């Protein structure tokens, strides 16, 4: 056990630290931020921790560090814990969102893409690329899947989107 571990242990259980951590939302992250705080303090040079403690600045230093971890979007804590939770919540919200595309627009788009396949090889090519884009939701993944240039995929997707928007808007 290092000389500094006693200081870190005191900080870990300090009432001001507990009070600040209790303000972090969501509640599930409170234990995680406490652990990350301890890990961050363990990486600091022991002489600096002793100096901060002698100057009575160790608690304010730790509180500031916790505050940055809990509120900043460019810390390791955010990248490990909060960012994932944010994206999970966003996906969940979008799944249950009432802003879904009306069925008649979806059916119209499906009919247009089906008709493109029957028209000829160029239109079929565009419909196949666009359908794969809908599956992957990434033009780069589509280009890698078909082993074709990314710029071509991007152009086809852009053209097909414009055609679908025009057809849907004209049907209103």
N, C-alpha and C. Protein backbone atom coordinates (compact mmCIF):
# COMPACT_ATOMS: atom_id res chain seq x y z
N UNK A 1 0.85 -1.18 0.00
CA UNK A 1 0.00 0.00 0.00
C UNK A 1 0.90 1.24 0.00
N UNK A 2 0.66 2.15 -0.91
CA UNK A 2 1.52 3.32 -1.02
C UNK A 2 1.21 4.32 0.08
N UNK A 3 2.12 5.29 0.22
CA UNK A 3 1.94 6.34 1.23
C UNK A 3 0.66 7.14 0.96
N UNK A 4 0.30 7.26 -0.28
CA UNK A 4 -0.84 8.11 -0.64
C UNK A 4 -2.17 7.41 -0.51
N UNK A 5 -2.16 6.10 -0.37
CA UNK A 5 -3.43 5.38 -0.34
C UNK A 5 -4.30 5.80 0.84
N UNK A 6 -3.68 6.18 1.96
CA UNK A 6 -4.49 6.62 3.11
C UNK A 6 -5.22 7.93 2.78
N UNK A 7 -4.57 8.82 2.03
CA UNK A 7 -5.22 10.06 1.63
C UNK A 7 -6.37 9.78 0.66
N UNK A 8 -6.13 8.89 -0.27
CA UNK A 8 -7.15 8.54 -1.27
C UNK A 8 -8.34 7.87 -0.58
N UNK A 9 -8.05 7.02 0.42
CA UNK A 9 -9.12 6.36 1.16
C UNK A 9 -9.96 7.38 1.93
N UNK A 10 -9.31 8.38 2.51
CA UNK A 10 -10.04 9.42 3.23
C UNK A 10 -10.94 10.21 2.27
N UNK A 11 -10.40 10.52 1.12
CA UNK A 11 -11.16 11.28 0.12
C UNK A 11 -12.33 10.44 -0.39
N UNK A 12 -12.09 9.17 -0.58
CA UNK A 12 -13.11 8.26 -1.12
C UNK A 12 -14.37 8.29 -0.26
N UNK A 13 -14.19 8.41 1.04
CA UNK A 13 -15.33 8.39 1.98
C UNK A 13 -15.69 9.76 2.54
N UNK A 14 -15.06 10.81 2.04
CA UNK A 14 -15.27 12.15 2.58
C UNK A 14 -16.71 12.60 2.31
N UNK A 15 -17.36 13.26 3.30
CA UNK A 15 -18.75 13.70 3.14
C UNK A 15 -18.97 14.67 1.98
N UNK A 16 -18.03 15.58 1.72
CA UNK A 16 -18.21 16.53 0.61
C UNK A 16 -18.17 15.80 -0.74
N UNK A 17 -17.28 14.80 -0.82
CA UNK A 17 -17.20 14.00 -2.05
C UNK A 17 -18.50 13.23 -2.24
N UNK A 18 -19.00 12.63 -1.18
CA UNK A 18 -20.26 11.88 -1.24
C UNK A 18 -21.41 12.80 -1.63
N UNK A 19 -21.43 14.00 -1.08
CA UNK A 19 -22.49 14.95 -1.40
C UNK A 19 -22.46 15.34 -2.88
N UNK A 20 -21.27 15.62 -3.40
CA UNK A 20 -21.16 16.00 -4.81
C UNK A 20 -21.53 14.83 -5.72
N UNK A 21 -21.04 13.65 -5.40
CA UNK A 21 -21.34 12.48 -6.23
C UNK A 21 -22.84 12.18 -6.23
N UNK A 22 -23.51 12.46 -5.14
CA UNK A 22 -24.95 12.20 -5.06
C UNK A 22 -25.74 13.06 -6.05
N UNK A 23 -25.12 14.12 -6.56
CA UNK A 23 -25.79 15.00 -7.53
C UNK A 23 -25.64 14.52 -8.97
N UNK A 24 -24.76 13.54 -9.19
CA UNK A 24 -24.53 13.03 -10.53
C UNK A 24 -25.73 12.18 -10.96
N UNK A 25 -26.20 12.42 -12.17
CA UNK A 25 -27.31 11.67 -12.72
C UNK A 25 -26.85 10.96 -13.97
N UNK A 26 -27.33 9.80 -14.27
CA UNK A 26 -28.25 8.96 -13.54
C UNK A 26 -27.59 8.32 -12.32
N UNK A 27 -28.40 7.83 -11.42
CA UNK A 27 -27.91 7.29 -10.15
C UNK A 27 -26.94 6.13 -10.34
N UNK A 28 -27.12 5.36 -11.41
CA UNK A 28 -26.25 4.20 -11.65
C UNK A 28 -24.80 4.60 -11.86
N UNK A 29 -24.57 5.85 -12.23
CA UNK A 29 -23.20 6.30 -12.51
C UNK A 29 -22.46 6.78 -11.26
N UNK A 30 -23.14 6.88 -10.15
CA UNK A 30 -22.50 7.43 -8.95
C UNK A 30 -21.37 6.54 -8.45
N UNK A 31 -21.58 5.23 -8.41
CA UNK A 31 -20.50 4.33 -7.99
C UNK A 31 -19.36 4.35 -9.01
N UNK A 32 -19.73 4.43 -10.28
CA UNK A 32 -18.70 4.45 -11.33
C UNK A 32 -17.82 5.69 -11.22
N UNK A 33 -18.43 6.84 -10.96
CA UNK A 33 -17.63 8.07 -10.87
C UNK A 33 -16.75 8.04 -9.62
N UNK A 34 -17.24 7.44 -8.55
CA UNK A 34 -16.42 7.32 -7.34
C UNK A 34 -15.19 6.44 -7.64
N UNK A 35 -15.39 5.35 -8.36
CA UNK A 35 -14.27 4.47 -8.72
C UNK A 35 -13.29 5.19 -9.66
N UNK A 36 -13.84 5.91 -10.63
CA UNK A 36 -12.98 6.64 -11.56
C UNK A 36 -12.19 7.73 -10.84
N UNK A 37 -12.80 8.37 -9.86
CA UNK A 37 -12.11 9.39 -9.06
C UNK A 37 -10.92 8.74 -8.35
N UNK A 38 -11.15 7.59 -7.74
CA UNK A 38 -10.07 6.90 -7.03
C UNK A 38 -8.96 6.50 -8.00
N UNK A 39 -9.33 6.00 -9.17
CA UNK A 39 -8.33 5.60 -10.17
C UNK A 39 -7.52 6.82 -10.64
N UNK A 40 -8.20 7.94 -10.83
CA UNK A 40 -7.51 9.15 -11.26
C UNK A 40 -6.54 9.63 -10.18
N UNK A 41 -6.96 9.56 -8.94
CA UNK A 41 -6.08 9.98 -7.84
C UNK A 41 -4.88 9.05 -7.72
N UNK A 42 -5.07 7.78 -8.00
CA UNK A 42 -3.96 6.83 -7.93
C UNK A 42 -2.90 7.09 -9.01
N UNK A 43 -3.30 7.72 -10.09
CA UNK A 43 -2.35 8.01 -11.16
C UNK A 43 -1.53 9.28 -10.89
N UNK A 44 -1.98 10.07 -9.93
CA UNK A 44 -1.29 11.33 -9.61
C UNK A 44 -0.07 11.01 -8.74
N UNK A 45 0.99 11.75 -8.97
CA UNK A 45 2.21 11.58 -8.19
C UNK A 45 1.91 11.76 -6.70
N UNK A 46 2.45 10.87 -5.90
CA UNK A 46 2.19 10.87 -4.45
C UNK A 46 2.64 12.18 -3.80
N UNK A 47 3.74 12.73 -4.29
CA UNK A 47 4.23 13.99 -3.71
C UNK A 47 3.21 15.11 -3.90
N UNK A 48 2.55 15.10 -5.06
CA UNK A 48 1.54 16.13 -5.32
C UNK A 48 0.35 15.96 -4.39
N UNK A 49 -0.07 14.74 -4.16
CA UNK A 49 -1.20 14.49 -3.25
C UNK A 49 -0.85 14.94 -1.84
N UNK A 50 0.36 14.62 -1.39
CA UNK A 50 0.79 15.03 -0.04
C UNK A 50 0.83 16.55 0.04
N UNK A 51 1.37 17.19 -1.00
CA UNK A 51 1.45 18.66 -1.02
C UNK A 51 0.05 19.28 -0.99
N UNK A 52 -0.86 18.77 -1.80
CA UNK A 52 -2.23 19.28 -1.82
C UNK A 52 -2.91 19.09 -0.46
N UNK A 53 -2.62 17.99 0.18
CA UNK A 53 -3.22 17.73 1.49
C UNK A 53 -2.68 18.70 2.54
N UNK A 54 -1.37 18.94 2.49
CA UNK A 54 -0.77 19.88 3.46
C UNK A 54 -1.31 21.29 3.27
N UNK A 55 -1.61 21.64 2.01
CA UNK A 55 -2.14 22.97 1.70
C UNK A 55 -3.66 23.04 1.87
N UNK A 56 -4.27 21.95 2.33
CA UNK A 56 -5.72 21.84 2.47
C UNK A 56 -6.46 22.05 1.14
N UNK A 57 -5.82 21.64 0.07
CA UNK A 57 -6.42 21.77 -1.25
C UNK A 57 -6.79 20.43 -1.87
N UNK A 58 -6.58 19.34 -1.15
CA UNK A 58 -6.85 18.02 -1.73
C UNK A 58 -8.35 17.80 -1.96
N UNK A 59 -9.16 18.18 -1.01
CA UNK A 59 -10.61 18.02 -1.17
C UNK A 59 -11.13 18.93 -2.28
N UNK A 60 -10.79 20.24 -2.28
CA UNK A 60 -11.26 21.07 -3.41
C UNK A 60 -10.77 20.56 -4.77
N UNK A 61 -9.53 20.08 -4.82
CA UNK A 61 -8.98 19.54 -6.06
C UNK A 61 -9.80 18.33 -6.51
N UNK A 62 -10.11 17.46 -5.57
CA UNK A 62 -10.88 16.26 -5.89
C UNK A 62 -12.31 16.62 -6.31
N UNK A 63 -12.92 17.56 -5.62
CA UNK A 63 -14.28 17.97 -5.97
C UNK A 63 -14.32 18.56 -7.38
N UNK A 64 -13.32 19.34 -7.72
CA UNK A 64 -13.24 19.92 -9.06
C UNK A 64 -13.08 18.82 -10.10
N UNK A 65 -12.24 17.83 -9.79
CA UNK A 65 -12.01 16.72 -10.70
C UNK A 65 -13.32 15.93 -10.91
N UNK A 66 -14.04 15.67 -9.84
CA UNK A 66 -15.31 14.94 -9.94
C UNK A 66 -16.30 15.75 -10.77
N UNK A 67 -16.35 17.04 -10.53
CA UNK A 67 -17.28 17.89 -11.27
C UNK A 67 -16.99 17.85 -12.77
N UNK A 68 -15.71 17.93 -13.12
CA UNK A 68 -15.35 17.84 -14.54
C UNK A 68 -15.70 16.48 -15.11
N UNK A 69 -15.43 15.43 -14.36
CA UNK A 69 -15.77 14.07 -14.84
C UNK A 69 -17.27 13.94 -15.10
N UNK A 70 -18.07 14.48 -14.20
CA UNK A 70 -19.51 14.32 -14.30
C UNK A 70 -20.20 15.23 -15.29
N UNK A 71 -19.56 16.35 -15.64
CA UNK A 71 -20.25 17.32 -16.49
C UNK A 71 -19.61 17.52 -17.86
N UNK A 72 -18.34 17.23 -18.01
CA UNK A 72 -17.66 17.48 -19.27
C UNK A 72 -17.90 16.33 -20.25
N UNK A 73 -17.95 16.67 -21.52
CA UNK A 73 -18.17 15.63 -22.54
C UNK A 73 -16.87 15.18 -23.20
N UNK A 74 -15.73 15.60 -22.69
CA UNK A 74 -14.47 15.15 -23.29
C UNK A 74 -13.55 14.47 -22.27
N UNK A 75 -14.13 13.89 -21.23
CA UNK A 75 -13.34 13.17 -20.24
C UNK A 75 -13.44 11.67 -20.49
N UNK A 76 -12.53 10.92 -19.92
CA UNK A 76 -12.56 9.47 -20.04
C UNK A 76 -13.85 8.90 -19.43
N UNK A 77 -14.29 9.50 -18.33
CA UNK A 77 -15.52 9.03 -17.69
C UNK A 77 -16.69 9.15 -18.65
N UNK A 78 -16.80 10.26 -19.34
CA UNK A 78 -17.88 10.45 -20.29
C UNK A 78 -17.79 9.41 -21.41
N UNK A 79 -16.59 9.20 -21.91
CA UNK A 79 -16.41 8.26 -23.01
C UNK A 79 -16.73 6.82 -22.59
N UNK A 80 -16.41 6.47 -21.34
CA UNK A 80 -16.66 5.11 -20.87
C UNK A 80 -18.12 4.87 -20.51
N UNK A 81 -18.74 5.83 -19.84
CA UNK A 81 -20.04 5.58 -19.23
C UNK A 81 -21.17 6.42 -19.81
N UNK A 82 -21.05 7.71 -19.77
CA UNK A 82 -22.18 8.58 -20.10
C UNK A 82 -22.51 8.56 -21.59
N UNK A 83 -21.51 8.52 -22.44
CA UNK A 83 -21.77 8.56 -23.88
C UNK A 83 -22.59 7.34 -24.30
N UNK A 84 -22.23 6.19 -23.80
CA UNK A 84 -22.96 4.97 -24.11
C UNK A 84 -24.40 5.08 -23.61
N UNK A 85 -24.59 5.57 -22.39
CA UNK A 85 -25.93 5.74 -21.85
C UNK A 85 -26.74 6.73 -22.67
N UNK A 86 -26.08 7.79 -23.14
CA UNK A 86 -26.76 8.79 -23.95
C UNK A 86 -27.26 8.16 -25.26
N UNK A 87 -26.38 7.40 -25.92
CA UNK A 87 -26.79 6.79 -27.18
C UNK A 87 -27.84 5.71 -26.98
N UNK A 88 -27.75 4.94 -25.88
CA UNK A 88 -28.78 3.95 -25.59
C UNK A 88 -30.12 4.62 -25.37
N UNK A 89 -30.13 5.71 -24.62
CA UNK A 89 -31.38 6.44 -24.37
C UNK A 89 -31.93 7.02 -25.66
N UNK A 90 -31.06 7.54 -26.53
CA UNK A 90 -31.49 8.11 -27.80
C UNK A 90 -32.14 7.02 -28.67
N UNK A 91 -31.51 5.85 -28.73
CA UNK A 91 -32.07 4.76 -29.52
C UNK A 91 -33.42 4.32 -28.98
N UNK A 92 -33.52 4.22 -27.66
CA UNK A 92 -34.77 3.82 -27.05
C UNK A 92 -35.86 4.85 -27.34
N UNK A 93 -35.51 6.13 -27.23
CA UNK A 93 -36.48 7.19 -27.50
C UNK A 93 -36.92 7.13 -28.96
N UNK A 94 -35.97 6.94 -29.87
CA UNK A 94 -36.33 6.93 -31.28
C UNK A 94 -37.17 5.70 -31.64
N UNK A 95 -36.98 4.60 -30.90
CA UNK A 95 -37.80 3.41 -31.15
C UNK A 95 -39.26 3.65 -30.78
N UNK A 96 -39.50 4.41 -29.71
CA UNK A 96 -40.86 4.64 -29.24
C UNK A 96 -41.40 6.00 -29.64
N UNK A 97 -40.67 6.70 -30.47
CA UNK A 97 -41.08 8.02 -30.90
C UNK A 97 -42.33 7.92 -31.78
N UNK A 98 -43.19 8.91 -31.65
CA UNK A 98 -44.39 8.92 -32.46
C UNK A 98 -44.15 9.59 -33.81
N UNK A 99 -42.95 10.05 -34.06
CA UNK A 99 -42.62 10.70 -35.31
C UNK A 99 -42.18 9.67 -36.35
N UNK A 100 -42.97 8.62 -36.52
CA UNK A 100 -42.63 7.61 -37.51
C UNK A 100 -43.17 8.06 -38.86
N UNK A 101 -42.63 7.47 -39.90
CA UNK A 101 -43.06 7.81 -41.26
C UNK A 101 -44.41 7.15 -41.51
N UNK A 102 -45.36 7.89 -42.02
CA UNK A 102 -46.69 7.31 -42.29
C UNK A 102 -46.59 6.14 -43.27
N UNK A 103 -47.48 5.18 -43.10
CA UNK A 103 -47.45 3.96 -43.92
C UNK A 103 -47.58 4.25 -45.41
N UNK A 104 -48.41 5.22 -45.78
CA UNK A 104 -48.59 5.47 -47.20
C UNK A 104 -47.29 5.96 -47.86
N UNK A 105 -46.48 6.72 -47.11
CA UNK A 105 -45.20 7.17 -47.66
C UNK A 105 -44.22 6.00 -47.79
N UNK A 106 -44.22 5.13 -46.81
CA UNK A 106 -43.35 3.95 -46.85
C UNK A 106 -43.75 3.07 -48.02
N UNK A 107 -45.05 2.84 -48.18
CA UNK A 107 -45.52 2.00 -49.29
C UNK A 107 -45.20 2.62 -50.64
N UNK A 108 -45.34 3.92 -50.74
CA UNK A 108 -45.01 4.61 -51.99
C UNK A 108 -43.52 4.44 -52.31
N UNK A 109 -42.66 4.61 -51.32
CA UNK A 109 -41.22 4.45 -51.52
C UNK A 109 -40.88 3.02 -51.93
N UNK A 110 -41.52 2.04 -51.28
CA UNK A 110 -41.30 0.63 -51.65
C UNK A 110 -41.70 0.38 -53.09
N UNK A 111 -42.85 0.94 -53.49
CA UNK A 111 -43.32 0.74 -54.87
C UNK A 111 -42.36 1.36 -55.87
N UNK A 112 -41.86 2.53 -55.56
CA UNK A 112 -40.91 3.21 -56.46
C UNK A 112 -39.65 2.37 -56.61
N UNK A 113 -39.13 1.88 -55.49
CA UNK A 113 -37.90 1.06 -55.55
C UNK A 113 -38.14 -0.26 -56.27
N UNK A 114 -39.31 -0.85 -56.08
CA UNK A 114 -39.64 -2.10 -56.79
C UNK A 114 -39.75 -1.84 -58.29
N UNK A 115 -40.37 -0.72 -58.65
CA UNK A 115 -40.50 -0.38 -60.08
C UNK A 115 -39.13 -0.10 -60.70
N UNK A 116 -38.22 0.48 -59.92
CA UNK A 116 -36.86 0.74 -60.44
C UNK A 116 -36.17 -0.58 -60.81
N UNK A 117 -36.40 -1.59 -60.03
CA UNK A 117 -35.77 -2.89 -60.30
C UNK A 117 -36.29 -3.45 -61.62
N UNK A 118 -37.58 -3.25 -61.90
CA UNK A 118 -38.18 -3.79 -63.12
C UNK A 118 -37.87 -2.96 -64.36
N UNK A 119 -37.49 -1.68 -64.20
CA UNK A 119 -37.27 -0.78 -65.34
C UNK A 119 -36.09 -1.20 -66.21
N UNK A 120 -34.96 -1.43 -65.59
CA UNK A 120 -33.77 -1.74 -66.37
C UNK A 120 -32.56 -1.91 -65.45
N UNK A 121 -31.42 -2.26 -66.04
CA UNK A 121 -30.24 -2.56 -65.22
C UNK A 121 -29.73 -1.36 -64.41
N UNK A 122 -29.75 -0.16 -64.99
CA UNK A 122 -29.24 1.01 -64.26
C UNK A 122 -30.14 1.34 -63.07
N UNK A 123 -31.46 1.33 -63.32
CA UNK A 123 -32.39 1.60 -62.23
C UNK A 123 -32.33 0.50 -61.18
N UNK A 124 -32.20 -0.74 -61.61
CA UNK A 124 -32.09 -1.86 -60.67
C UNK A 124 -30.84 -1.70 -59.81
N UNK A 125 -29.76 -1.30 -60.45
CA UNK A 125 -28.50 -1.07 -59.73
C UNK A 125 -28.70 -0.04 -58.62
N UNK A 126 -29.37 1.07 -58.95
CA UNK A 126 -29.63 2.13 -57.97
C UNK A 126 -30.53 1.63 -56.84
N UNK A 127 -31.55 0.86 -57.19
CA UNK A 127 -32.48 0.35 -56.17
C UNK A 127 -31.77 -0.62 -55.23
N UNK A 128 -30.92 -1.45 -55.78
CA UNK A 128 -30.19 -2.42 -54.95
C UNK A 128 -29.24 -1.70 -54.00
N UNK A 129 -28.53 -0.72 -54.50
CA UNK A 129 -27.61 0.05 -53.65
C UNK A 129 -28.39 0.78 -52.57
N UNK A 130 -29.52 1.38 -52.95
CA UNK A 130 -30.30 2.14 -51.96
C UNK A 130 -30.89 1.22 -50.90
N UNK A 131 -31.37 0.06 -51.30
CA UNK A 131 -31.91 -0.90 -50.32
C UNK A 131 -30.82 -1.36 -49.35
N UNK A 132 -29.63 -1.57 -49.87
CA UNK A 132 -28.52 -1.97 -48.99
C UNK A 132 -28.15 -0.82 -48.06
N UNK A 133 -28.26 0.41 -48.56
CA UNK A 133 -28.02 1.59 -47.71
C UNK A 133 -29.03 1.65 -46.57
N UNK A 134 -30.27 1.35 -46.87
CA UNK A 134 -31.30 1.33 -45.82
C UNK A 134 -30.99 0.25 -44.78
N UNK A 135 -30.43 -0.84 -45.23
CA UNK A 135 -30.08 -1.93 -44.32
C UNK A 135 -28.89 -1.55 -43.43
N UNK A 136 -27.83 -1.01 -44.05
CA UNK A 136 -26.61 -0.69 -43.31
C UNK A 136 -26.62 0.70 -42.68
N UNK A 137 -27.40 1.60 -43.26
CA UNK A 137 -27.45 3.00 -42.81
C UNK A 137 -26.07 3.67 -42.90
N UNK A 138 -25.30 3.27 -43.89
CA UNK A 138 -23.97 3.85 -44.08
C UNK A 138 -23.53 3.62 -45.53
N UNK A 139 -23.22 4.71 -46.20
CA UNK A 139 -22.76 4.57 -47.59
C UNK A 139 -21.39 3.91 -47.66
N UNK A 140 -20.57 4.10 -46.65
CA UNK A 140 -19.24 3.49 -46.63
C UNK A 140 -19.36 1.97 -46.51
N UNK A 141 -20.27 1.51 -45.65
CA UNK A 141 -20.48 0.07 -45.49
C UNK A 141 -21.01 -0.54 -46.78
N UNK A 142 -21.88 0.20 -47.47
CA UNK A 142 -22.41 -0.28 -48.75
C UNK A 142 -21.28 -0.40 -49.77
N UNK A 143 -20.44 0.62 -49.84
CA UNK A 143 -19.32 0.59 -50.79
C UNK A 143 -18.39 -0.58 -50.49
N UNK A 144 -18.12 -0.82 -49.23
CA UNK A 144 -17.26 -1.94 -48.85
C UNK A 144 -17.94 -3.27 -49.16
N UNK A 145 -19.24 -3.36 -48.95
CA UNK A 145 -19.98 -4.59 -49.20
C UNK A 145 -19.93 -4.96 -50.69
N UNK A 146 -20.19 -3.98 -51.56
CA UNK A 146 -20.20 -4.24 -52.99
C UNK A 146 -18.84 -4.05 -53.66
N UNK A 147 -17.87 -3.55 -52.87
CA UNK A 147 -16.52 -3.27 -53.38
C UNK A 147 -16.56 -2.32 -54.58
N UNK A 148 -17.28 -1.21 -54.37
CA UNK A 148 -17.38 -0.17 -55.38
C UNK A 148 -16.98 1.16 -54.75
N UNK A 149 -16.66 2.17 -55.56
CA UNK A 149 -16.23 3.46 -55.00
C UNK A 149 -17.29 4.11 -54.11
N UNK A 150 -16.81 4.70 -53.04
CA UNK A 150 -17.71 5.37 -52.08
C UNK A 150 -18.43 6.53 -52.74
N UNK A 151 -17.74 7.24 -53.59
CA UNK A 151 -18.36 8.40 -54.25
C UNK A 151 -19.54 7.97 -55.12
N UNK A 152 -19.42 6.81 -55.78
CA UNK A 152 -20.51 6.30 -56.60
C UNK A 152 -21.73 5.97 -55.72
N UNK A 153 -21.47 5.29 -54.61
CA UNK A 153 -22.56 4.95 -53.69
C UNK A 153 -23.23 6.22 -53.18
N UNK A 154 -22.43 7.19 -52.80
CA UNK A 154 -22.97 8.45 -52.30
C UNK A 154 -23.84 9.11 -53.37
N UNK A 155 -23.36 9.16 -54.60
CA UNK A 155 -24.13 9.79 -55.69
C UNK A 155 -25.45 9.06 -55.93
N UNK A 156 -25.42 7.72 -55.92
CA UNK A 156 -26.64 6.94 -56.15
C UNK A 156 -27.65 7.19 -55.02
N UNK A 157 -27.16 7.20 -53.80
CA UNK A 157 -28.05 7.42 -52.65
C UNK A 157 -28.66 8.81 -52.71
N UNK A 158 -27.83 9.79 -53.04
CA UNK A 158 -28.32 11.16 -53.13
C UNK A 158 -29.39 11.28 -54.22
N UNK A 159 -29.14 10.68 -55.37
CA UNK A 159 -30.08 10.73 -56.49
C UNK A 159 -31.39 10.02 -56.13
N UNK A 160 -31.28 8.84 -55.53
CA UNK A 160 -32.47 8.06 -55.18
C UNK A 160 -33.28 8.76 -54.10
N UNK A 161 -32.62 9.35 -53.14
CA UNK A 161 -33.33 10.11 -52.10
C UNK A 161 -34.12 11.25 -52.73
N UNK A 162 -33.47 11.97 -53.63
CA UNK A 162 -34.13 13.10 -54.29
C UNK A 162 -35.36 12.62 -55.07
N UNK A 163 -35.22 11.48 -55.79
CA UNK A 163 -36.35 10.93 -56.55
C UNK A 163 -37.49 10.54 -55.61
N UNK A 164 -37.16 9.90 -54.48
CA UNK A 164 -38.20 9.49 -53.54
C UNK A 164 -38.89 10.69 -52.91
N UNK A 165 -38.11 11.70 -52.53
CA UNK A 165 -38.70 12.90 -51.94
C UNK A 165 -39.66 13.57 -52.95
N UNK A 166 -39.19 13.68 -54.17
CA UNK A 166 -40.01 14.32 -55.21
C UNK A 166 -41.31 13.53 -55.42
N UNK A 167 -41.21 12.23 -55.49
CA UNK A 167 -42.40 11.40 -55.72
C UNK A 167 -43.36 11.48 -54.54
N UNK A 168 -42.83 11.47 -53.33
CA UNK A 168 -43.69 11.55 -52.14
C UNK A 168 -44.35 12.89 -52.04
N UNK A 169 -43.58 13.96 -52.30
CA UNK A 169 -44.16 15.31 -52.25
C UNK A 169 -45.21 15.53 -53.33
N UNK A 170 -44.99 14.94 -54.51
CA UNK A 170 -45.97 15.08 -55.60
C UNK A 170 -47.24 14.30 -55.31
N UNK A 171 -47.14 13.26 -54.49
CA UNK A 171 -48.32 12.43 -54.19
C UNK A 171 -49.23 13.09 -53.16
N UNK A 172 -48.72 14.09 -52.47
CA UNK A 172 -49.53 14.79 -51.45
C UNK A 172 -50.49 15.66 -52.15
